[in-house]
Amino acid sequence: MQPKDRLREEIESIPDELASEVIDFIILLKSRYKTEKMESPLIAESSLQKDWLLPEEDKAWEGL
């Protein structure tokens, strides 16, 4: 069984009182995933920035 199929089954079986909590949790997970996906390049940029700002780096790119 695929994860989304299992999720649909579980959602169908929960009481209506829990549905809003499940929706909130799904929204939280999607938001967290989107944020983490966007942060990875920013983390790499900050660690590489020390090399990018060197005069040697500027000289290497002069002819391009």
Protein backbone atom coordinates (compact mmCIF):
# COMPACT_ATOMS: atom_id res chain seq x y z
CA MET A 1 0.00 0.00 0.00
CA GLN A 2 1.32 3.43 -0.92
CA PRO A 3 1.78 6.01 1.86
CA LYS A 4 -0.90 8.34 0.49
CA ASP A 5 -3.37 5.45 0.28
CA ARG A 6 -2.62 4.58 3.89
CA LEU A 7 -3.02 8.22 4.85
CA ARG A 8 -6.43 8.36 3.15
CA GLU A 9 -7.50 5.25 5.06
CA GLU A 10 -6.39 6.72 8.36
CA ILE A 11 -8.10 10.04 7.65
CA GLU A 12 -11.35 8.28 6.82
CA SER A 13 -11.25 6.44 10.14
CA ILE A 14 -10.57 9.37 12.49
CA PRO A 15 -13.37 11.09 14.41
CA ASP A 16 -14.52 14.44 13.02
CA GLU A 17 -13.23 16.12 16.19
CA LEU A 18 -9.66 15.24 15.22
CA ALA A 19 -9.89 16.32 11.58
CA SER A 20 -8.92 19.95 12.25
CA GLU A 21 -5.86 18.82 14.23
CA VAL A 22 -4.79 16.55 11.39
CA ILE A 23 -5.18 19.41 8.91
CA ASP A 24 -3.10 21.70 11.14
CA PHE A 25 -0.41 19.04 11.45
CA ILE A 26 -0.25 18.50 7.69
CA ILE A 27 0.07 22.25 7.13
CA LEU A 28 2.86 22.38 9.73
CA LEU A 29 4.74 19.52 8.07
CA LYS A 30 4.45 21.09 4.62
CA SER A 31 5.65 24.43 5.96
CA ARG A 32 8.60 22.85 7.77
CA TYR A 33 9.57 20.88 4.65
CA LYS A 34 9.43 24.01 2.49
CA THR A 35 11.51 25.99 4.99
CA GLU A 36 14.17 23.28 5.32
CA LYS A 37 14.36 22.91 1.55
CA MET A 38 14.96 26.65 1.18
CA GLU A 39 17.50 26.87 4.03
CA SER A 40 19.98 24.34 2.62
CA PRO A 41 21.37 26.63 -0.11
CA LEU A 42 21.56 29.50 2.39
CA ILE A 43 23.62 27.40 4.79
CA ALA A 44 25.99 26.42 2.00
CA GLU A 45 26.30 30.02 0.89
CA SER A 46 27.37 31.21 4.32
CA SER A 47 30.05 28.51 4.60
CA LEU A 48 31.41 29.21 1.09
CA GLN A 49 31.24 32.98 1.37
CA LYS A 50 34.63 33.20 3.08
CA ASP A 51 36.25 31.81 -0.09
CA TRP A 52 34.12 33.88 -2.49
CA LEU A 53 35.28 37.12 -0.92
CA LEU A 54 39.01 36.45 -1.36
CA PRO A 55 40.94 38.60 -3.85
CA GLU A 56 42.30 35.39 -5.41
CA GLU A 57 38.76 34.33 -6.23
CA ASP A 58 38.05 37.65 -7.96
CA LYS A 59 41.23 37.31 -9.99
CA ALA A 60 40.30 33.78 -11.07
CA TRP A 61 36.99 35.00 -12.50
CA GLU A 62 38.34 38.16 -14.19
CA GLY A 63 38.56 36.69 -17.69
CA LEU A 64 35.06 35.26 -17.77
